[in-house]
């Protein structure tokens, strides 16, 4: 087995050492370079007509600890190739904003509106909204929870997995749990949904992968699947696409559930005259 810097070259170089089913996975990855950011083990196994075990086994045979490490290296290799093909800094900046705007429009067009409005109703009528996330989406849920509080909706969230799981363990009928995970495979979010289901509490998943493990545990799923990942560096801007869904939930919930006048007056006192 030969290991080289470029993950794509590594796959090509070691293709002959793979089994027939592993080659199907490798070929799928090489032919779907622009989709790697939005795919996980489940999705790749399904689309390559193999199994999750085959995807992981192939990744390890190529010298990686698992598929996630291979995915990170594939994204890194793709980003390096894209940077080499770009010369104008201004063009790069314009492309970034154009691609981001296009992805947001794509999310809006693809969003299941019936599910979205049901989620708005759930938030507006909930006793307490429990919000949990992982990685670079944690700042997004902190802001989301803060903004829900400003319109009079009780929320719990924490940067500590264990603390938020403890909050969810105290949830009761009429509460809801919202889980935000870019990959859909964050273990703490999946655990939170499993716990919520045992307690009979409704769950809402916000994820960019419709085949994610998280969706299997969710009563409602809002998929922020993007059209292009050409601006991505290790998924660094993934929070933008989950945040736009959270922003929409706050906006339309606020329209449905007007903030009490007393709350507005109290919050106004915190502003500088």
C-alpha atoms as a PDB file:
ATOM      1  CA  UNK A   1       0.000   0.000   0.000  1.00  0.00           C
ATOM      2  CA  UNK A   2       1.380   3.384  -1.079  1.00  0.00           C
ATOM      3  CA  UNK A   3       0.303   6.516   0.829  1.00  0.00           C
ATOM      4  CA  UNK A   4       0.682   9.888  -0.918  1.00  0.00           C
ATOM      5  CA  UNK A   5      -0.282  13.446   0.075  1.00  0.00           C
ATOM      6  CA  UNK A   6      -3.330  13.728  -2.199  1.00  0.00           C
ATOM      7  CA  UNK A   7      -6.179  11.502  -1.006  1.00  0.00           C
ATOM      8  CA  UNK A   8      -7.508  11.229  -4.561  1.00  0.00           C
ATOM      9  CA  UNK A   9      -4.118  10.155  -5.898  1.00  0.00           C
ATOM     10  CA  UNK A  10      -3.882   7.721  -2.997  1.00  0.00           C
ATOM     11  CA  UNK A  11      -7.142   6.054  -4.065  1.00  0.00           C
ATOM     12  CA  UNK A  12      -6.014   5.821  -7.697  1.00  0.00           C
ATOM     13  CA  UNK A  13      -2.574   4.493  -6.788  1.00  0.00           C
ATOM     14  CA  UNK A  14      -3.966   1.725  -4.562  1.00  0.00           C
ATOM     15  CA  UNK A  15      -7.028   0.789  -6.620  1.00  0.00           C
ATOM     16  CA  UNK A  16      -5.583  -2.595  -7.631  1.00  0.00           C
ATOM     17  CA  UNK A  17      -5.158  -3.638  -3.995  1.00  0.00           C
ATOM     18  CA  UNK A  18      -8.882  -3.214  -3.267  1.00  0.00           C
ATOM     19  CA  UNK A  19     -11.533  -5.913  -3.453  1.00  0.00           C
ATOM     20  CA  UNK A  20     -14.292  -5.684  -6.073  1.00  0.00           C
ATOM     21  CA  UNK A  21     -16.782  -4.139  -3.627  1.00  0.00           C
ATOM     22  CA  UNK A  22     -14.160  -1.756  -2.225  1.00  0.00           C
ATOM     23  CA  UNK A  23     -13.387  -0.651  -5.793  1.00  0.00           C
ATOM     24  CA  UNK A  24     -17.062   0.283  -6.211  1.00  0.00           C
ATOM     25  CA  UNK A  25     -16.749   2.640  -3.237  1.00  0.00           C
ATOM     26  CA  UNK A  26     -13.438   4.065  -4.478  1.00  0.00           C
ATOM     27  CA  UNK A  27     -14.824   4.625  -7.976  1.00  0.00           C
ATOM     28  CA  UNK A  28     -17.898   6.338  -6.559  1.00  0.00           C
ATOM     29  CA  UNK A  29     -15.707   8.742  -4.550  1.00  0.00           C
ATOM     30  CA  UNK A  30     -13.559   9.585  -7.573  1.00  0.00           C
ATOM     31  CA  UNK A  31     -16.624  10.211  -9.742  1.00  0.00           C
ATOM     32  CA  UNK A  32     -18.409  12.361  -7.142  1.00  0.00           C
ATOM     33  CA  UNK A  33     -15.658  14.719  -6.039  1.00  0.00           C
ATOM     34  CA  UNK A  34     -17.981  17.720  -5.733  1.00  0.00           C
ATOM     35  CA  UNK A  35     -20.372  15.845  -3.416  1.00  0.00           C
ATOM     36  CA  UNK A  36     -17.929  14.502  -0.836  1.00  0.00           C
ATOM     37  CA  UNK A  37     -18.692  17.307   1.662  1.00  0.00           C
ATOM     38  CA  UNK A  38     -22.386  16.360   1.834  1.00  0.00           C
ATOM     39  CA  UNK A  39     -22.015  12.574   2.033  1.00  0.00           C
ATOM     40  CA  UNK A  40     -21.450  10.257   4.974  1.00  0.00           C
ATOM     41  CA  UNK A  41     -20.870   6.512   5.348  1.00  0.00           C
ATOM     42  CA  UNK A  42     -24.580   5.710   5.084  1.00  0.00           C
ATOM     43  CA  UNK A  43     -25.082   7.770   1.928  1.00  0.00           C
ATOM     44  CA  UNK A  44     -21.961   6.463   0.183  1.00  0.00           C
ATOM     45  CA  UNK A  45     -22.827   2.843   0.967  1.00  0.00           C
ATOM     46  CA  UNK A  46     -26.333   3.350  -0.396  1.00  0.00           C
ATOM     47  CA  UNK A  47     -25.304   5.126  -3.594  1.00  0.00           C
ATOM     48  CA  UNK A  48     -22.393   2.797  -4.357  1.00  0.00           C
ATOM     49  CA  UNK A  49     -24.597  -0.269  -3.702  1.00  0.00           C
ATOM     50  CA  UNK A  50     -22.231  -1.600  -1.052  1.00  0.00           C
ATOM     51  CA  UNK A  51     -22.327  -1.579   2.761  1.00  0.00           C
ATOM     52  CA  UNK A  52     -21.210   0.748   5.538  1.00  0.00           C
ATOM     53  CA  UNK A  53     -18.673  -1.881   6.617  1.00  0.00           C
ATOM     54  CA  UNK A  54     -17.183  -1.882   3.108  1.00  0.00           C
ATOM     55  CA  UNK A  55     -16.781   1.917   3.140  1.00  0.00           C
ATOM     56  CA  UNK A  56     -14.963   1.806   6.484  1.00  0.00           C
ATOM     57  CA  UNK A  57     -12.852  -1.216   5.490  1.00  0.00           C
ATOM     58  CA  UNK A  58     -11.750   0.461   2.247  1.00  0.00           C
ATOM     59  CA  UNK A  59     -10.791   3.626   4.154  1.00  0.00           C
ATOM     60  CA  UNK A  60      -8.619   1.658   6.568  1.00  0.00           C
ATOM     61  CA  UNK A  61      -7.037  -0.334   3.752  1.00  0.00           C
ATOM     62  CA  UNK A  62      -5.955   2.972   2.190  1.00  0.00           C
ATOM     63  CA  UNK A  63      -4.131   3.875   5.407  1.00  0.00           C
ATOM     64  CA  UNK A  64      -6.729   6.014   7.194  1.00  0.00           C
ATOM     65  CA  UNK A  65      -8.204   5.437  10.656  1.00  0.00           C
ATOM     66  CA  UNK A  66     -11.713   5.411   9.226  1.00  0.00           C
ATOM     67  CA  UNK A  67     -13.951   7.067   6.665  1.00  0.00           C
ATOM     68  CA  UNK A  68     -14.109  10.400   8.507  1.00  0.00           C
ATOM     69  CA  UNK A  69     -10.338  10.830   8.263  1.00  0.00           C
ATOM     70  CA  UNK A  70     -10.428   9.891   4.575  1.00  0.00           C
ATOM     71  CA  UNK A  71     -13.238  12.400   4.009  1.00  0.00           C
ATOM     72  CA  UNK A  72     -11.266  15.204   5.679  1.00  0.00           C
ATOM     73  CA  UNK A  73      -8.242  14.424   3.506  1.00  0.00           C
ATOM     74  CA  UNK A  74     -10.382  14.273   0.348  1.00  0.00           C
ATOM     75  CA  UNK A  75     -11.827  17.709   1.132  1.00  0.00           C
ATOM     76  CA  UNK A  76      -8.329  19.025   1.842  1.00  0.00           C
ATOM     77  CA  UNK A  77      -7.039  17.648  -1.472  1.00  0.00           C
ATOM     78  CA  UNK A  78      -9.966  19.158  -3.363  1.00  0.00           C
ATOM     79  CA  UNK A  79      -9.454  22.542  -1.713  1.00  0.00           C
ATOM     80  CA  UNK A  80      -5.762  22.547  -2.649  1.00  0.00           C
ATOM     81  CA  UNK A  81      -6.614  21.822  -6.286  1.00  0.00           C
ATOM     82  CA  UNK A  82      -9.218  24.594  -6.332  1.00  0.00           C
ATOM     83  CA  UNK A  83      -6.811  27.103  -4.806  1.00  0.00           C
ATOM     84  CA  UNK A  84      -4.187  26.276  -7.431  1.00  0.00           C
ATOM     85  CA  UNK A  85      -6.711  26.923 -10.195  1.00  0.00           C
ATOM     86  CA  UNK A  86      -7.639  30.380  -8.867  1.00  0.00           C
ATOM     87  CA  UNK A  87      -5.485  33.441  -9.441  1.00  0.00           C
ATOM     88  CA  UNK A  88      -7.531  36.525  -8.515  1.00  0.00           C
ATOM     89  CA  UNK A  89      -8.181  37.189  -4.781  1.00  0.00           C
ATOM     90  CA  UNK A  90     -11.163  39.357  -5.764  1.00  0.00           C
ATOM     91  CA  UNK A  91     -12.561  36.544  -7.876  1.00  0.00           C
ATOM     92  CA  UNK A  92     -12.172  34.154  -4.942  1.00  0.00           C
ATOM     93  CA  UNK A  93     -14.067  36.506  -2.643  1.00  0.00           C
ATOM     94  CA  UNK A  94     -16.878  37.006  -5.138  1.00  0.00           C
ATOM     95  CA  UNK A  95     -17.098  33.270  -5.767  1.00  0.00           C
ATOM     96  CA  UNK A  96     -17.375  32.584  -2.050  1.00  0.00           C
ATOM     97  CA  UNK A  97     -20.341  34.927  -1.559  1.00  0.00           C
ATOM     98  CA  UNK A  98     -22.010  33.846  -4.790  1.00  0.00           C
ATOM     99  CA  UNK A  99     -21.701  30.157  -3.909  1.00  0.00           C
ATOM    100  CA  UNK A 100     -22.943  30.773  -0.355  1.00  0.00           C
ATOM    101  CA  UNK A 101     -25.948  32.757  -1.618  1.00  0.00           C
ATOM    102  CA  UNK A 102     -26.729  30.057  -4.178  1.00  0.00           C
ATOM    103  CA  UNK A 103     -26.607  27.393  -1.484  1.00  0.00           C
ATOM    104  CA  UNK A 104     -29.017  29.359   0.715  1.00  0.00           C
ATOM    105  CA  UNK A 105     -31.472  29.712  -2.174  1.00  0.00           C
ATOM    106  CA  UNK A 106     -31.137  25.985  -2.824  1.00  0.00           C
ATOM    107  CA  UNK A 107     -31.932  25.207   0.821  1.00  0.00           C
ATOM    108  CA  UNK A 108     -35.037  27.390   0.649  1.00  0.00           C
ATOM    109  CA  UNK A 109     -36.235  25.723  -2.546  1.00  0.00           C
ATOM    110  CA  UNK A 110     -35.626  22.190  -1.267  1.00  0.00           C
ATOM    111  CA  UNK A 111     -36.978  22.676   2.266  1.00  0.00           C
ATOM    112  CA  UNK A 112     -40.115  20.672   3.029  1.00  0.00           C
ATOM    113  CA  UNK A 113     -42.498  23.504   3.887  1.00  0.00           C
ATOM    114  CA  UNK A 114     -45.106  21.305   5.569  1.00  0.00           C
ATOM    115  CA  UNK A 115     -42.457  20.013   7.976  1.00  0.00           C
ATOM    116  CA  UNK A 116     -41.063  23.505   8.503  1.00  0.00           C
ATOM    117  CA  UNK A 117     -44.428  24.991   9.517  1.00  0.00           C
ATOM    118  CA  UNK A 118     -45.076  22.042  11.833  1.00  0.00           C
ATOM    119  CA  UNK A 119     -41.754  22.777  13.549  1.00  0.00           C
ATOM    120  CA  UNK A 120     -42.711  26.447  13.926  1.00  0.00           C
ATOM    121  CA  UNK A 121     -45.972  25.371  15.601  1.00  0.00           C
ATOM    122  CA  UNK A 122     -44.086  23.013  17.928  1.00  0.00           C
ATOM    123  CA  UNK A 123     -41.644  25.732  19.002  1.00  0.00           C
ATOM    124  CA  UNK A 124     -44.381  28.327  19.498  1.00  0.00           C
ATOM    125  CA  UNK A 125     -46.443  26.013  21.727  1.00  0.00           C
ATOM    126  CA  UNK A 126     -43.610  24.224  23.566  1.00  0.00           C
ATOM    127  CA  UNK A 127     -43.234  24.400  27.327  1.00  0.00           C
ATOM    128  CA  UNK A 128     -39.452  24.325  26.896  1.00  0.00           C
ATOM    129  CA  UNK A 129     -37.237  23.981  23.830  1.00  0.00           C
ATOM    130  CA  UNK A 130     -34.083  21.935  24.485  1.00  0.00           C
ATOM    131  CA  UNK A 131     -31.333  22.558  21.914  1.00  0.00           C
ATOM    132  CA  UNK A 132     -28.197  20.463  21.447  1.00  0.00           C
ATOM    133  CA  UNK A 133     -25.371  20.453  18.891  1.00  0.00           C
ATOM    134  CA  UNK A 134     -21.722  19.559  18.429  1.00  0.00           C
ATOM    135  CA  UNK A 135     -18.575  21.159  17.040  1.00  0.00           C
ATOM    136  CA  UNK A 136     -18.747  24.434  15.123  1.00  0.00           C
ATOM    137  CA  UNK A 137     -22.562  24.560  15.291  1.00  0.00           C
ATOM    138  CA  UNK A 138     -22.535  25.138  19.075  1.00  0.00           C
ATOM    139  CA  UNK A 139     -22.211  28.962  18.737  1.00  0.00           C
ATOM    140  CA  UNK A 140     -25.203  28.877  16.372  1.00  0.00           C
ATOM    141  CA  UNK A 141     -27.460  27.128  18.887  1.00  0.00           C
ATOM    142  CA  UNK A 142     -26.387  29.475  21.685  1.00  0.00           C
ATOM    143  CA  UNK A 143     -27.560  32.424  19.594  1.00  0.00           C
ATOM    144  CA  UNK A 144     -30.694  30.510  18.544  1.00  0.00           C
ATOM    145  CA  UNK A 145     -31.617  29.818  22.177  1.00  0.00           C
ATOM    146  CA  UNK A 146     -30.936  33.432  23.161  1.00  0.00           C
ATOM    147  CA  UNK A 147     -33.196  34.739  20.401  1.00  0.00           C
ATOM    148  CA  UNK A 148     -35.991  32.325  21.310  1.00  0.00           C
ATOM    149  CA  UNK A 149     -35.755  33.587  24.879  1.00  0.00           C
ATOM    150  CA  UNK A 150     -36.177  37.158  23.671  1.00  0.00           C
ATOM    151  CA  UNK A 151     -39.553  36.266  22.161  1.00  0.00           C
ATOM    152  CA  UNK A 152     -40.722  34.601  25.362  1.00  0.00           C
ATOM    153  CA  UNK A 153     -39.892  30.944  24.714  1.00  0.00           C
ATOM    154  CA  UNK A 154     -38.138  28.994  27.480  1.00  0.00           C
ATOM    155  CA  UNK A 155     -35.028  27.178  26.251  1.00  0.00           C
ATOM    156  CA  UNK A 156     -32.135  25.121  27.553  1.00  0.00           C
ATOM    157  CA  UNK A 157     -28.774  24.667  25.857  1.00  0.00           C
ATOM    158  CA  UNK A 158     -25.173  24.207  26.913  1.00  0.00           C
ATOM    159  CA  UNK A 159     -21.666  23.808  25.549  1.00  0.00           C
ATOM    160  CA  UNK A 160     -21.477  20.756  27.827  1.00  0.00           C
ATOM    161  CA  UNK A 161     -22.953  17.574  26.351  1.00  0.00           C
ATOM    162  CA  UNK A 162     -23.598  16.058  29.767  1.00  0.00           C
ATOM    163  CA  UNK A 163     -25.362  19.155  31.087  1.00  0.00           C
ATOM    164  CA  UNK A 164     -27.714  19.368  28.121  1.00  0.00           C
ATOM    165  CA  UNK A 165     -28.417  15.629  28.297  1.00  0.00           C
ATOM    166  CA  UNK A 166     -29.301  16.190  31.960  1.00  0.00           C
ATOM    167  CA  UNK A 167     -31.701  18.962  30.894  1.00  0.00           C
ATOM    168  CA  UNK A 168     -33.304  16.655  28.332  1.00  0.00           C
ATOM    169  CA  UNK A 169     -33.587  13.932  30.959  1.00  0.00           C
ATOM    170  CA  UNK A 170     -35.806  16.344  32.920  1.00  0.00           C
ATOM    171  CA  UNK A 171     -37.940  17.134  29.866  1.00  0.00           C
ATOM    172  CA  UNK A 172     -41.659  16.514  30.084  1.00  0.00           C
ATOM    173  CA  UNK A 173     -44.591  16.165  27.727  1.00  0.00           C
ATOM    174  CA  UNK A 174     -45.034  19.399  25.788  1.00  0.00           C
ATOM    175  CA  UNK A 175     -41.281  20.054  25.503  1.00  0.00           C
ATOM    176  CA  UNK A 176     -39.336  19.553  22.268  1.00  0.00           C
ATOM    177  CA  UNK A 177     -35.700  18.734  21.511  1.00  0.00           C
ATOM    178  CA  UNK A 178     -33.928  20.358  18.548  1.00  0.00           C
ATOM    179  CA  UNK A 179     -30.668  18.745  17.452  1.00  0.00           C
ATOM    180  CA  UNK A 180     -28.269  20.468  15.054  1.00  0.00           C
ATOM    181  CA  UNK A 181     -25.550  18.370  13.432  1.00  0.00           C
ATOM    182  CA  UNK A 182     -23.733  19.095  10.165  1.00  0.00           C
ATOM    183  CA  UNK A 183     -22.921  15.437   9.511  1.00  0.00           C
ATOM    184  CA  UNK A 184     -25.924  13.980  11.282  1.00  0.00           C
ATOM    185  CA  UNK A 185     -23.575  11.577  13.034  1.00  0.00           C
ATOM    186  CA  UNK A 186     -22.678  13.501  16.207  1.00  0.00           C
ATOM    187  CA  UNK A 187     -22.958  10.908  18.967  1.00  0.00           C
ATOM    188  CA  UNK A 188     -24.116  13.345  21.648  1.00  0.00           C
ATOM    189  CA  UNK A 189     -26.988  14.596  19.469  1.00  0.00           C
ATOM    190  CA  UNK A 190     -28.051  11.053  18.556  1.00  0.00           C
ATOM    191  CA  UNK A 191     -27.974  10.118  22.266  1.00  0.00           C
ATOM    192  CA  UNK A 192     -30.128  13.147  23.069  1.00  0.00           C
ATOM    193  CA  UNK A 193     -32.730  12.073  20.503  1.00  0.00           C
ATOM    194  CA  UNK A 194     -32.741   8.509  21.819  1.00  0.00           C
ATOM    195  CA  UNK A 195     -33.350   9.852  25.327  1.00  0.00           C
ATOM    196  CA  UNK A 196     -36.081  12.215  24.116  1.00  0.00           C
ATOM    197  CA  UNK A 197     -37.871   9.391  22.322  1.00  0.00           C
ATOM    198  CA  UNK A 198     -37.879   7.279  25.497  1.00  0.00           C
ATOM    199  CA  UNK A 199     -39.497  10.190  27.323  1.00  0.00           C
ATOM    200  CA  UNK A 200     -42.084  10.773  24.591  1.00  0.00           C
ATOM    201  CA  UNK A 201     -40.705  14.215  23.701  1.00  0.00           C
ATOM    202  CA  UNK A 202     -40.892  15.423  20.072  1.00  0.00           C
ATOM    203  CA  UNK A 203     -37.583  15.855  18.232  1.00  0.00           C
ATOM    204  CA  UNK A 204     -36.518  18.110  15.347  1.00  0.00           C
ATOM    205  CA  UNK A 205     -33.270  17.507  13.437  1.00  0.00           C
ATOM    206  CA  UNK A 206     -31.469  20.229  11.490  1.00  0.00           C
ATOM    207  CA  UNK A 207     -28.847  18.574   9.291  1.00  0.00           C
ATOM    208  CA  UNK A 208     -27.445  18.898   5.789  1.00  0.00           C
ATOM    209  CA  UNK A 209     -27.507  15.175   5.070  1.00  0.00           C
ATOM    210  CA  UNK A 210     -30.923  13.635   4.513  1.00  0.00           C
ATOM    211  CA  UNK A 211     -29.579  10.093   4.994  1.00  0.00           C
ATOM    212  CA  UNK A 212     -27.911  10.964   8.305  1.00  0.00           C
ATOM    213  CA  UNK A 213     -28.199   8.672  11.342  1.00  0.00           C
ATOM    214  CA  UNK A 214     -29.823  11.553  13.214  1.00  0.00           C
ATOM    215  CA  UNK A 215     -32.821  11.583  10.875  1.00  0.00           C
ATOM    216  CA  UNK A 216     -33.696   8.022  11.913  1.00  0.00           C
ATOM    217  CA  UNK A 217     -34.218   9.229  15.489  1.00  0.00           C
ATOM    218  CA  UNK A 218     -36.081  12.445  14.598  1.00  0.00           C
ATOM    219  CA  UNK A 219     -39.813  13.036  14.415  1.00  0.00           C
ATOM    220  CA  UNK A 220     -39.172  15.936  12.026  1.00  0.00           C
ATOM    221  CA  UNK A 221     -36.105  16.695   9.900  1.00  0.00           C
ATOM    222  CA  UNK A 222     -35.155  19.989   8.269  1.00  0.00           C
ATOM    223  CA  UNK A 223     -32.419  19.232   5.753  1.00  0.00           C
ATOM    224  CA  UNK A 224     -30.023  22.078   4.960  1.00  0.00           C
ATOM    225  CA  UNK A 225     -28.520  20.151   2.048  1.00  0.00           C
ATOM    226  CA  UNK A 226     -26.354  22.420  -0.075  1.00  0.00           C
ATOM    227  CA  UNK A 227     -26.009  22.461  -3.856  1.00  0.00           C
ATOM    228  CA  UNK A 228     -22.250  23.004  -4.005  1.00  0.00           C
ATOM    229  CA  UNK A 229     -19.426  22.568  -1.508  1.00  0.00           C
ATOM    230  CA  UNK A 230     -16.882  24.455  -3.622  1.00  0.00           C
ATOM    231  CA  UNK A 231     -16.326  27.070  -0.889  1.00  0.00           C
ATOM    232  CA  UNK A 232     -15.773  24.549   1.866  1.00  0.00           C
ATOM    233  CA  UNK A 233     -12.556  24.027   3.789  1.00  0.00           C
ATOM    234  CA  UNK A 234     -13.079  21.111   6.201  1.00  0.00           C
ATOM    235  CA  UNK A 235     -16.755  22.152   6.321  1.00  0.00           C
ATOM    236  CA  UNK A 236     -15.695  25.418   7.946  1.00  0.00           C
ATOM    237  CA  UNK A 237     -18.760  27.322   6.751  1.00  0.00           C
ATOM    238  CA  UNK A 238     -21.254  24.497   7.350  1.00  0.00           C
ATOM    239  CA  UNK A 239     -22.763  26.448  10.263  1.00  0.00           C
ATOM    240  CA  UNK A 240     -23.962  29.090   7.773  1.00  0.00           C
ATOM    241  CA  UNK A 241     -26.399  26.633   6.232  1.00  0.00           C
ATOM    242  CA  UNK A 242     -27.757  25.243   9.483  1.00  0.00           C
ATOM    243  CA  UNK A 243     -27.942  28.787  10.895  1.00  0.00           C
ATOM    244  CA  UNK A 244     -30.151  30.007   8.042  1.00  0.00           C
ATOM    245  CA  UNK A 245     -32.715  27.344   8.988  1.00  0.00           C
ATOM    246  CA  UNK A 246     -32.494  28.344  12.661  1.00  0.00           C
ATOM    247  CA  UNK A 247     -32.912  32.003  11.650  1.00  0.00           C
ATOM    248  CA  UNK A 248     -36.028  31.129   9.660  1.00  0.00           C
ATOM    249  CA  UNK A 249     -37.476  29.209  12.622  1.00  0.00           C
ATOM    250  CA  UNK A 250     -36.953  32.185  14.947  1.00  0.00           C
ATOM    251  CA  UNK A 251     -38.333  34.685  12.432  1.00  0.00           C
ATOM    252  CA  UNK A 252     -41.570  32.839  11.723  1.00  0.00           C
ATOM    253  CA  UNK A 253     -42.047  31.730  15.326  1.00  0.00           C
ATOM    254  CA  UNK A 254     -41.749  35.386  16.377  1.00  0.00           C
ATOM    255  CA  UNK A 255     -44.453  36.291  13.853  1.00  0.00           C
ATOM    256  CA  UNK A 256     -46.685  33.573  15.258  1.00  0.00           C
ATOM    257  CA  UNK A 257     -45.961  34.193  18.944  1.00  0.00           C
ATOM    258  CA  UNK A 258     -45.740  37.905  19.660  1.00  0.00           C
ATOM    259  CA  UNK A 259     -43.314  38.907  22.416  1.00  0.00           C
ATOM    260  CA  UNK A 260     -45.197  40.191  25.503  1.00  0.00           C
ATOM    261  CA  UNK A 261     -44.957  43.981  25.856  1.00  0.00           C
ATOM    262  CA  UNK A 262     -43.487  43.653  29.348  1.00  0.00           C
ATOM    263  CA  UNK A 263     -40.635  41.530  28.036  1.00  0.00           C
ATOM    264  CA  UNK A 264     -39.904  44.073  25.295  1.00  0.00           C
ATOM    265  CA  UNK A 265     -39.771  46.908  27.836  1.00  0.00           C
ATOM    266  CA  UNK A 266     -37.459  44.937  30.135  1.00  0.00           C
ATOM    267  CA  UNK A 267     -35.083  44.045  27.291  1.00  0.00           C
ATOM    268  CA  UNK A 268     -35.110  47.642  26.074  1.00  0.00           C
ATOM    269  CA  UNK A 269     -33.627  48.712  29.414  1.00  0.00           C
ATOM    270  CA  UNK A 270     -30.451  46.758  28.583  1.00  0.00           C
ATOM    271  CA  UNK A 271     -29.770  48.943  25.541  1.00  0.00           C
ATOM    272  CA  UNK A 272     -27.516  52.009  25.640  1.00  0.00           C
ATOM    273  CA  UNK A 273     -29.679  55.182  25.321  1.00  0.00           C
END
